[in-house]
């Protein structure tokens, strides 16, 4: 395995019902990351959570329009992650963005 140098983990916390037009915000973020050539992205749907002072979001029986927490994780170099930040700044109205230096191994 090869060690990844100067890697950054970008965690984006938003809600599943956040949209840009008719497309989910998390999907738009994945598409933008792919367009920018970032190394990898994963979307994780949460069962329950909140962002900041917001109310707790959790599944509701018989609800079609669920608003559950979603985490989007992106790992790449700081330089490449920085290419995505302007898009996030304009697109995220209610959410949290976290940057963390990480060590990784690539196979």
C-alpha atoms as a PDB file:
ATOM      1  CA  UNK A   1       0.000   0.000   0.000  1.00  0.00           C
ATOM      2  CA  UNK A   2       1.035   3.542  -0.694  1.00  0.00           C
ATOM      3  CA  UNK A   3       0.772   6.294   1.918  1.00  0.00           C
ATOM      4  CA  UNK A   4      -1.306   9.311   0.852  1.00  0.00           C
ATOM      5  CA  UNK A   5       0.548  12.527   1.603  1.00  0.00           C
ATOM      6  CA  UNK A   6      -1.091  15.761   2.765  1.00  0.00           C
ATOM      7  CA  UNK A   7      -4.612  14.355   2.678  1.00  0.00           C
ATOM      8  CA  UNK A   8      -7.646  16.199   3.990  1.00  0.00           C
ATOM      9  CA  UNK A   9     -11.025  14.797   5.022  1.00  0.00           C
ATOM     10  CA  UNK A  10     -13.897  17.124   4.188  1.00  0.00           C
ATOM     11  CA  UNK A  11     -17.118  16.285   6.053  1.00  0.00           C
ATOM     12  CA  UNK A  12     -20.273  18.042   4.973  1.00  0.00           C
ATOM     13  CA  UNK A  13     -23.386  17.741   7.140  1.00  0.00           C
ATOM     14  CA  UNK A  14     -26.711  18.665   5.512  1.00  0.00           C
ATOM     15  CA  UNK A  15     -30.284  17.374   5.447  1.00  0.00           C
ATOM     16  CA  UNK A  16     -31.578  14.842   2.931  1.00  0.00           C
ATOM     17  CA  UNK A  17     -34.369  17.142   1.752  1.00  0.00           C
ATOM     18  CA  UNK A  18     -32.030  20.070   0.883  1.00  0.00           C
ATOM     19  CA  UNK A  19     -32.126  20.669  -2.865  1.00  0.00           C
ATOM     20  CA  UNK A  20     -30.710  22.758  -5.663  1.00  0.00           C
ATOM     21  CA  UNK A  21     -33.596  22.991  -8.097  1.00  0.00           C
ATOM     22  CA  UNK A  22     -35.080  19.505  -8.287  1.00  0.00           C
ATOM     23  CA  UNK A  23     -31.882  17.628  -7.372  1.00  0.00           C
ATOM     24  CA  UNK A  24     -30.795  16.718  -3.831  1.00  0.00           C
ATOM     25  CA  UNK A  25     -27.952  18.882  -2.512  1.00  0.00           C
ATOM     26  CA  UNK A  26     -25.897  15.823  -1.553  1.00  0.00           C
ATOM     27  CA  UNK A  27     -26.179  14.529  -5.131  1.00  0.00           C
ATOM     28  CA  UNK A  28     -25.130  17.923  -6.523  1.00  0.00           C
ATOM     29  CA  UNK A  29     -22.068  17.885  -4.245  1.00  0.00           C
ATOM     30  CA  UNK A  30     -21.070  14.417  -5.473  1.00  0.00           C
ATOM     31  CA  UNK A  31     -21.501  15.488  -9.115  1.00  0.00           C
ATOM     32  CA  UNK A  32     -19.426  18.649  -8.540  1.00  0.00           C
ATOM     33  CA  UNK A  33     -16.665  16.672  -6.797  1.00  0.00           C
ATOM     34  CA  UNK A  34     -16.585  14.244  -9.730  1.00  0.00           C
ATOM     35  CA  UNK A  35     -16.483  17.145 -12.206  1.00  0.00           C
ATOM     36  CA  UNK A  36     -13.520  18.639 -10.319  1.00  0.00           C
ATOM     37  CA  UNK A  37     -11.692  15.287 -10.382  1.00  0.00           C
ATOM     38  CA  UNK A  38     -11.570  14.744  -6.627  1.00  0.00           C
ATOM     39  CA  UNK A  39     -10.272  11.388  -5.397  1.00  0.00           C
ATOM     40  CA  UNK A  40     -13.398   9.990  -3.732  1.00  0.00           C
ATOM     41  CA  UNK A  41     -16.757  10.848  -2.191  1.00  0.00           C
ATOM     42  CA  UNK A  42     -19.174   8.890   0.010  1.00  0.00           C
ATOM     43  CA  UNK A  43     -22.686   9.874   1.088  1.00  0.00           C
ATOM     44  CA  UNK A  44     -23.911   8.473   4.420  1.00  0.00           C
ATOM     45  CA  UNK A  45     -27.573   8.785   5.420  1.00  0.00           C
ATOM     46  CA  UNK A  46     -28.089   9.237   9.148  1.00  0.00           C
ATOM     47  CA  UNK A  47     -30.876   7.831  11.257  1.00  0.00           C
ATOM     48  CA  UNK A  48     -31.181  10.845  13.542  1.00  0.00           C
ATOM     49  CA  UNK A  49     -29.397  14.117  14.234  1.00  0.00           C
ATOM     50  CA  UNK A  50     -29.307  17.898  14.203  1.00  0.00           C
ATOM     51  CA  UNK A  51     -27.062  20.670  12.953  1.00  0.00           C
ATOM     52  CA  UNK A  52     -26.376  23.560  15.326  1.00  0.00           C
ATOM     53  CA  UNK A  53     -29.429  24.831  17.170  1.00  0.00           C
ATOM     54  CA  UNK A  54     -31.847  23.090  14.802  1.00  0.00           C
ATOM     55  CA  UNK A  55     -34.472  20.636  16.014  1.00  0.00           C
ATOM     56  CA  UNK A  56     -33.701  16.917  16.100  1.00  0.00           C
ATOM     57  CA  UNK A  57     -34.470  15.220  12.793  1.00  0.00           C
ATOM     58  CA  UNK A  58     -35.514  11.559  12.829  1.00  0.00           C
ATOM     59  CA  UNK A  59     -37.679   9.208  10.746  1.00  0.00           C
ATOM     60  CA  UNK A  60     -41.408   9.727  10.998  1.00  0.00           C
ATOM     61  CA  UNK A  61     -43.982   7.055  10.382  1.00  0.00           C
ATOM     62  CA  UNK A  62     -45.894   7.642   7.117  1.00  0.00           C
ATOM     63  CA  UNK A  63     -43.720  10.615   6.121  1.00  0.00           C
ATOM     64  CA  UNK A  64     -42.764  10.863   2.465  1.00  0.00           C
ATOM     65  CA  UNK A  65     -40.721  14.060   2.856  1.00  0.00           C
ATOM     66  CA  UNK A  66     -38.233  12.934   5.488  1.00  0.00           C
ATOM     67  CA  UNK A  67     -35.535  15.369   6.493  1.00  0.00           C
ATOM     68  CA  UNK A  68     -32.750  13.134   7.793  1.00  0.00           C
ATOM     69  CA  UNK A  69     -29.125  14.094   8.371  1.00  0.00           C
ATOM     70  CA  UNK A  70     -26.725  13.274   5.545  1.00  0.00           C
ATOM     71  CA  UNK A  71     -22.928  13.291   5.764  1.00  0.00           C
ATOM     72  CA  UNK A  72     -20.854  13.652   2.613  1.00  0.00           C
ATOM     73  CA  UNK A  73     -17.203  12.665   3.051  1.00  0.00           C
ATOM     74  CA  UNK A  74     -14.504  13.680   0.578  1.00  0.00           C
ATOM     75  CA  UNK A  75     -10.822  12.740   0.854  1.00  0.00           C
ATOM     76  CA  UNK A  76      -8.156  14.374  -1.291  1.00  0.00           C
ATOM     77  CA  UNK A  77      -5.288  16.846  -1.114  1.00  0.00           C
ATOM     78  CA  UNK A  78      -5.934  20.230   0.476  1.00  0.00           C
ATOM     79  CA  UNK A  79      -5.401  21.853  -2.924  1.00  0.00           C
ATOM     80  CA  UNK A  80      -8.124  19.735  -4.538  1.00  0.00           C
ATOM     81  CA  UNK A  81     -10.527  20.072  -1.594  1.00  0.00           C
ATOM     82  CA  UNK A  82     -10.173  23.868  -1.838  1.00  0.00           C
ATOM     83  CA  UNK A  83     -11.565  23.703  -5.396  1.00  0.00           C
ATOM     84  CA  UNK A  84     -14.883  22.451  -3.992  1.00  0.00           C
ATOM     85  CA  UNK A  85     -15.246  25.020  -1.187  1.00  0.00           C
ATOM     86  CA  UNK A  86     -16.663  27.913  -3.305  1.00  0.00           C
ATOM     87  CA  UNK A  87     -19.436  25.618  -4.590  1.00  0.00           C
ATOM     88  CA  UNK A  88     -20.257  24.566  -1.025  1.00  0.00           C
ATOM     89  CA  UNK A  89     -20.281  28.180   0.133  1.00  0.00           C
ATOM     90  CA  UNK A  90     -22.926  29.121  -2.445  1.00  0.00           C
ATOM     91  CA  UNK A  91     -24.949  25.905  -2.203  1.00  0.00           C
ATOM     92  CA  UNK A  92     -25.283  25.120   1.516  1.00  0.00           C
ATOM     93  CA  UNK A  93     -27.907  27.218   3.272  1.00  0.00           C
ATOM     94  CA  UNK A  94     -28.228  25.056   6.395  1.00  0.00           C
ATOM     95  CA  UNK A  95     -25.329  22.770   7.217  1.00  0.00           C
ATOM     96  CA  UNK A  96     -21.840  22.323   8.557  1.00  0.00           C
ATOM     97  CA  UNK A  97     -18.507  21.867   6.774  1.00  0.00           C
ATOM     98  CA  UNK A  98     -15.531  20.324   8.612  1.00  0.00           C
ATOM     99  CA  UNK A  99     -11.940  19.971   7.364  1.00  0.00           C
ATOM    100  CA  UNK A 100      -9.519  17.564   9.046  1.00  0.00           C
ATOM    101  CA  UNK A 101      -5.990  16.516   8.128  1.00  0.00           C
ATOM    102  CA  UNK A 102      -5.802  12.724   7.764  1.00  0.00           C
ATOM    103  CA  UNK A 103      -3.311   9.987   7.004  1.00  0.00           C
ATOM    104  CA  UNK A 104      -4.377   7.321   4.597  1.00  0.00           C
ATOM    105  CA  UNK A 105      -3.203   4.322   2.636  1.00  0.00           C
ATOM    106  CA  UNK A 106      -4.115   3.794  -1.011  1.00  0.00           C
ATOM    107  CA  UNK A 107      -4.071   0.446  -2.682  1.00  0.00           C
END
